[in-house]
């Protein structure tokens, strides 16, 4: 099963589309296509084209997701929701989670 995740990150306006597709022989080997107008996300996308789903969904053995390591190298903004969207796409494509929206609502409080 392929997965498609649309990330609207907020004030920057650089929407991102993530498509994750499992390999035919190994459903936990995921191929990624990431499209965005954000130059930093484009750099991330160039380095993150294939991943192992099990590595991406946990912090097992202290390694953590490759998505987060690459994001730390290429993204400027730590609060960018794109890495979480990428990981969501990976787990759905690998059959490790059901497709369901994740929402972050932001507002000022007094």
N, C-alpha and C. Protein backbone atom coordinates (compact mmCIF):
# COMPACT_ATOMS: atom_id res chain seq x y z
N UNK A 1 0.83 -1.17 0.00
CA UNK A 1 0.00 0.00 0.00
C UNK A 1 0.88 1.24 0.00
N UNK A 2 0.65 2.13 -0.91
CA UNK A 2 1.36 3.41 -0.93
C UNK A 2 0.68 4.38 0.02
N UNK A 3 1.40 5.40 0.42
CA UNK A 3 0.84 6.43 1.29
C UNK A 3 1.18 7.80 0.73
N UNK A 4 0.27 8.72 0.94
CA UNK A 4 0.46 10.10 0.49
C UNK A 4 0.13 11.01 1.68
N UNK A 5 1.06 11.91 2.00
CA UNK A 5 0.87 12.84 3.12
C UNK A 5 1.10 14.25 2.61
N UNK A 6 0.15 15.12 2.89
CA UNK A 6 0.26 16.53 2.56
C UNK A 6 0.53 17.29 3.86
N UNK A 7 1.61 18.07 3.87
CA UNK A 7 1.98 18.83 5.06
C UNK A 7 1.86 20.31 4.74
N UNK A 8 1.01 21.00 5.50
CA UNK A 8 0.90 22.45 5.43
C UNK A 8 1.56 22.98 6.68
N UNK A 9 2.80 23.44 6.57
CA UNK A 9 3.60 23.72 7.75
C UNK A 9 3.27 25.01 8.50
N UNK A 10 2.45 25.86 7.93
CA UNK A 10 2.08 27.07 8.66
C UNK A 10 2.50 28.33 7.95
N UNK A 11 3.07 29.24 8.69
CA UNK A 11 3.32 30.60 8.24
C UNK A 11 4.28 30.67 7.05
N UNK A 12 5.19 29.73 6.90
CA UNK A 12 6.12 29.79 5.77
C UNK A 12 5.41 29.57 4.44
N UNK A 13 4.31 28.82 4.46
CA UNK A 13 3.53 28.59 3.25
C UNK A 13 4.11 27.57 2.30
N UNK A 14 5.19 26.89 2.67
CA UNK A 14 5.82 25.90 1.80
C UNK A 14 5.18 24.52 2.01
N UNK A 15 4.06 24.30 1.37
CA UNK A 15 3.40 23.00 1.48
C UNK A 15 4.31 21.92 0.91
N UNK A 16 4.18 20.73 1.48
CA UNK A 16 5.01 19.61 1.06
C UNK A 16 4.14 18.39 0.81
N UNK A 17 4.46 17.66 -0.24
CA UNK A 17 3.76 16.42 -0.56
C UNK A 17 4.76 15.27 -0.43
N UNK A 18 4.40 14.28 0.37
CA UNK A 18 5.24 13.11 0.58
C UNK A 18 4.50 11.90 0.04
N UNK A 19 5.17 11.14 -0.82
CA UNK A 19 4.62 9.88 -1.29
C UNK A 19 5.59 8.78 -0.91
N UNK A 20 5.05 7.75 -0.25
CA UNK A 20 5.86 6.63 0.21
C UNK A 20 5.32 5.35 -0.41
N UNK A 21 6.23 4.55 -0.94
CA UNK A 21 5.81 3.33 -1.65
C UNK A 21 6.71 2.17 -1.22
N UNK A 22 6.12 1.06 -0.78
CA UNK A 22 6.95 -0.08 -0.38
C UNK A 22 7.53 -0.79 -1.59
N UNK A 23 8.69 -1.37 -1.41
CA UNK A 23 9.32 -2.19 -2.43
C UNK A 23 8.49 -3.45 -2.63
N UNK A 24 8.39 -3.94 -3.85
CA UNK A 24 7.57 -5.12 -4.14
C UNK A 24 8.08 -6.37 -3.41
N UNK A 25 9.39 -6.50 -3.25
CA UNK A 25 9.97 -7.68 -2.62
C UNK A 25 10.08 -7.54 -1.10
N UNK A 26 10.26 -6.33 -0.63
CA UNK A 26 10.42 -6.08 0.81
C UNK A 26 9.51 -4.92 1.20
N UNK A 27 8.36 -5.20 1.81
CA UNK A 27 7.40 -4.14 2.12
C UNK A 27 7.87 -3.15 3.18
N UNK A 28 8.99 -3.45 3.84
CA UNK A 28 9.52 -2.53 4.85
C UNK A 28 10.63 -1.64 4.29
N UNK A 29 10.98 -1.86 3.04
CA UNK A 29 11.92 -0.99 2.33
C UNK A 29 11.05 0.02 1.57
N UNK A 30 11.12 1.28 1.97
CA UNK A 30 10.20 2.29 1.46
C UNK A 30 10.93 3.30 0.58
N UNK A 31 10.36 3.55 -0.58
CA UNK A 31 10.87 4.57 -1.49
C UNK A 31 10.06 5.85 -1.29
N UNK A 32 10.77 6.96 -1.20
CA UNK A 32 10.12 8.25 -0.93
C UNK A 32 10.24 9.21 -2.11
N UNK A 33 9.16 9.93 -2.34
CA UNK A 33 9.16 11.06 -3.26
C UNK A 33 8.63 12.24 -2.46
N UNK A 34 9.42 13.29 -2.36
CA UNK A 34 9.05 14.45 -1.55
C UNK A 34 9.13 15.68 -2.44
N UNK A 35 8.02 16.41 -2.53
CA UNK A 35 7.95 17.62 -3.35
C UNK A 35 7.61 18.81 -2.47
N UNK A 36 8.35 19.90 -2.63
CA UNK A 36 8.13 21.10 -1.84
C UNK A 36 8.77 22.29 -2.53
N UNK A 37 8.23 23.47 -2.30
CA UNK A 37 8.86 24.70 -2.77
C UNK A 37 9.96 25.17 -1.82
N UNK A 38 10.05 24.56 -0.66
CA UNK A 38 11.07 24.92 0.33
C UNK A 38 12.42 24.33 -0.10
N UNK A 39 13.43 25.19 -0.24
CA UNK A 39 14.75 24.72 -0.66
C UNK A 39 15.36 23.74 0.34
N UNK A 40 15.13 23.98 1.63
CA UNK A 40 15.68 23.09 2.65
C UNK A 40 15.04 21.70 2.56
N UNK A 41 13.74 21.66 2.34
CA UNK A 41 13.05 20.37 2.19
C UNK A 41 13.50 19.68 0.90
N UNK A 42 13.76 20.44 -0.14
CA UNK A 42 14.27 19.86 -1.38
C UNK A 42 15.63 19.19 -1.15
N UNK A 43 16.48 19.84 -0.35
CA UNK A 43 17.78 19.24 -0.01
C UNK A 43 17.59 17.96 0.79
N UNK A 44 16.66 17.99 1.74
CA UNK A 44 16.33 16.80 2.52
C UNK A 44 15.86 15.69 1.60
N UNK A 45 14.96 16.03 0.69
CA UNK A 45 14.38 15.04 -0.23
C UNK A 45 15.46 14.37 -1.09
N UNK A 46 16.46 15.13 -1.48
CA UNK A 46 17.54 14.57 -2.32
C UNK A 46 18.35 13.51 -1.57
N UNK A 47 18.40 13.61 -0.25
CA UNK A 47 19.19 12.67 0.55
C UNK A 47 18.34 11.56 1.18
N UNK A 48 17.02 11.69 1.06
CA UNK A 48 16.14 10.74 1.73
C UNK A 48 15.19 10.13 0.69
N UNK A 49 15.70 9.20 -0.09
CA UNK A 49 14.89 8.61 -1.16
C UNK A 49 14.44 7.19 -0.84
N UNK A 50 15.16 6.50 0.03
CA UNK A 50 14.82 5.13 0.43
C UNK A 50 15.17 4.95 1.90
N UNK A 51 14.27 4.28 2.63
CA UNK A 51 14.50 4.05 4.06
C UNK A 51 14.00 2.67 4.47
N UNK A 52 14.46 2.22 5.63
CA UNK A 52 13.96 1.02 6.27
C UNK A 52 12.88 1.46 7.26
N UNK A 53 11.66 0.97 7.07
CA UNK A 53 10.53 1.42 7.88
C UNK A 53 10.75 1.18 9.37
N UNK A 54 11.33 0.06 9.74
CA UNK A 54 11.51 -0.23 11.17
C UNK A 54 12.48 0.75 11.83
N UNK A 55 13.50 1.18 11.11
CA UNK A 55 14.42 2.17 11.67
C UNK A 55 13.71 3.52 11.84
N UNK A 56 12.80 3.82 10.93
CA UNK A 56 12.16 5.14 10.92
C UNK A 56 11.10 5.32 12.00
N UNK A 57 10.52 4.23 12.50
CA UNK A 57 9.39 4.40 13.42
C UNK A 57 9.77 4.30 14.89
N UNK A 58 11.05 4.22 15.20
CA UNK A 58 11.42 4.10 16.62
C UNK A 58 12.79 4.71 16.89
N UNK A 59 13.11 4.77 18.16
CA UNK A 59 14.44 5.20 18.60
C UNK A 59 15.22 3.98 19.10
N UNK A 60 14.92 2.81 18.54
CA UNK A 60 15.53 1.55 18.94
C UNK A 60 17.06 1.65 18.87
N UNK A 61 17.71 1.16 19.89
CA UNK A 61 19.18 1.14 19.99
C UNK A 61 19.79 2.53 19.96
N UNK A 62 18.99 3.55 20.24
CA UNK A 62 19.51 4.91 20.30
C UNK A 62 19.83 5.54 18.96
N UNK A 63 19.57 4.82 17.86
CA UNK A 63 19.88 5.37 16.54
C UNK A 63 18.84 6.38 16.10
N UNK A 64 17.61 6.02 16.23
CA UNK A 64 16.53 6.90 15.80
C UNK A 64 16.34 6.91 14.30
N UNK A 65 15.32 7.60 13.86
CA UNK A 65 15.00 7.64 12.44
C UNK A 65 16.04 8.39 11.61
N UNK A 66 16.34 7.84 10.46
CA UNK A 66 17.23 8.52 9.50
C UNK A 66 16.60 9.83 9.06
N UNK A 67 15.26 9.84 8.99
CA UNK A 67 14.54 11.06 8.61
C UNK A 67 14.92 12.21 9.53
N UNK A 68 14.98 11.96 10.82
CA UNK A 68 15.30 13.04 11.77
C UNK A 68 16.77 13.45 11.67
N UNK A 69 17.66 12.48 11.44
CA UNK A 69 19.09 12.81 11.28
C UNK A 69 19.29 13.68 10.04
N UNK A 70 18.66 13.32 8.93
CA UNK A 70 18.78 14.11 7.70
C UNK A 70 18.12 15.47 7.86
N UNK A 71 17.03 15.50 8.59
CA UNK A 71 16.34 16.78 8.83
C UNK A 71 17.23 17.73 9.61
N UNK A 72 17.95 17.20 10.59
CA UNK A 72 18.86 18.04 11.38
C UNK A 72 19.97 18.62 10.51
N UNK A 73 20.36 17.91 9.47
CA UNK A 73 21.40 18.38 8.56
C UNK A 73 20.90 19.44 7.58
N UNK A 74 19.65 19.33 7.15
CA UNK A 74 19.18 20.14 6.03
C UNK A 74 18.12 21.19 6.37
N UNK A 75 17.33 20.97 7.39
CA UNK A 75 16.27 21.93 7.70
C UNK A 75 16.77 22.99 8.67
N UNK A 76 16.24 24.18 8.53
CA UNK A 76 16.65 25.30 9.37
C UNK A 76 15.78 25.47 10.60
N UNK A 77 14.56 25.00 10.54
CA UNK A 77 13.58 25.28 11.57
C UNK A 77 13.21 24.00 12.33
N UNK A 78 13.54 23.94 13.60
CA UNK A 78 13.32 22.73 14.39
C UNK A 78 11.84 22.36 14.54
N UNK A 79 10.96 23.34 14.44
CA UNK A 79 9.52 23.07 14.59
C UNK A 79 8.85 22.67 13.29
N UNK A 80 9.59 22.52 12.21
CA UNK A 80 9.02 22.13 10.93
C UNK A 80 8.33 20.77 11.07
N UNK A 81 7.05 20.67 10.68
CA UNK A 81 6.33 19.41 10.80
C UNK A 81 6.58 18.42 9.66
N UNK A 82 7.36 18.80 8.68
CA UNK A 82 7.61 17.93 7.53
C UNK A 82 8.24 16.59 7.95
N UNK A 83 9.26 16.55 8.82
CA UNK A 83 9.82 15.25 9.19
C UNK A 83 8.78 14.30 9.80
N UNK A 84 7.90 14.81 10.62
CA UNK A 84 6.85 13.96 11.20
C UNK A 84 5.92 13.45 10.11
N UNK A 85 5.62 14.29 9.13
CA UNK A 85 4.79 13.86 8.02
C UNK A 85 5.45 12.78 7.19
N UNK A 86 6.75 12.88 7.01
CA UNK A 86 7.50 11.86 6.27
C UNK A 86 7.42 10.53 7.01
N UNK A 87 7.64 10.56 8.31
CA UNK A 87 7.61 9.33 9.11
C UNK A 87 6.20 8.73 9.11
N UNK A 88 5.18 9.55 9.19
CA UNK A 88 3.80 9.05 9.10
C UNK A 88 3.57 8.33 7.77
N UNK A 89 4.04 8.92 6.67
CA UNK A 89 3.88 8.29 5.36
C UNK A 89 4.59 6.95 5.31
N UNK A 90 5.78 6.88 5.89
CA UNK A 90 6.56 5.64 5.90
C UNK A 90 5.82 4.54 6.65
N UNK A 91 5.33 4.84 7.84
CA UNK A 91 4.68 3.79 8.63
C UNK A 91 3.38 3.31 7.99
N UNK A 92 2.65 4.19 7.33
CA UNK A 92 1.43 3.77 6.64
C UNK A 92 1.78 2.92 5.42
N UNK A 93 2.76 3.35 4.64
CA UNK A 93 3.15 2.60 3.45
C UNK A 93 3.65 1.20 3.80
N UNK A 94 4.29 1.06 4.95
CA UNK A 94 4.81 -0.24 5.38
C UNK A 94 3.75 -1.10 6.06
N UNK A 95 2.55 -0.56 6.23
CA UNK A 95 1.49 -1.30 6.91
C UNK A 95 1.66 -1.35 8.41
N UNK A 96 2.44 -0.42 8.97
CA UNK A 96 2.70 -0.39 10.41
C UNK A 96 1.78 0.58 11.15
N UNK A 97 0.93 1.30 10.41
CA UNK A 97 -0.05 2.21 11.01
C UNK A 97 -1.18 2.41 10.01
N UNK A 98 -2.32 2.74 10.53
CA UNK A 98 -3.46 3.06 9.68
C UNK A 98 -3.39 4.53 9.27
N UNK A 99 -3.89 4.86 8.09
CA UNK A 99 -3.87 6.26 7.67
C UNK A 99 -4.89 7.07 8.47
N UNK A 100 -4.40 8.06 9.17
CA UNK A 100 -5.25 8.93 9.97
C UNK A 100 -4.56 10.28 10.08
N UNK A 101 -5.32 11.36 9.95
CA UNK A 101 -4.74 12.69 10.05
C UNK A 101 -4.16 12.95 11.43
N UNK A 102 -3.03 13.63 11.44
CA UNK A 102 -2.44 14.14 12.67
C UNK A 102 -2.53 15.66 12.58
N UNK A 103 -2.98 16.30 13.63
CA UNK A 103 -3.24 17.74 13.56
C UNK A 103 -2.48 18.45 14.68
N UNK A 104 -1.86 19.56 14.31
CA UNK A 104 -1.25 20.46 15.30
C UNK A 104 -1.98 21.79 15.16
N UNK A 105 -2.67 22.21 16.19
CA UNK A 105 -3.36 23.51 16.16
C UNK A 105 -2.54 24.50 16.98
N UNK A 106 -2.31 25.65 16.41
CA UNK A 106 -1.49 26.65 17.09
C UNK A 106 -2.30 27.93 17.24
N UNK A 107 -2.32 28.47 18.44
CA UNK A 107 -2.98 29.75 18.69
C UNK A 107 -2.26 30.45 19.83
N UNK A 108 -2.45 31.74 19.89
CA UNK A 108 -1.91 32.51 21.01
C UNK A 108 -2.89 32.44 22.17
N UNK A 109 -2.37 32.41 23.37
CA UNK A 109 -3.26 32.50 24.53
C UNK A 109 -2.80 33.67 25.38
N UNK A 110 -3.71 34.22 26.06
CA UNK A 110 -3.39 35.41 26.88
C UNK A 110 -3.22 35.06 28.32
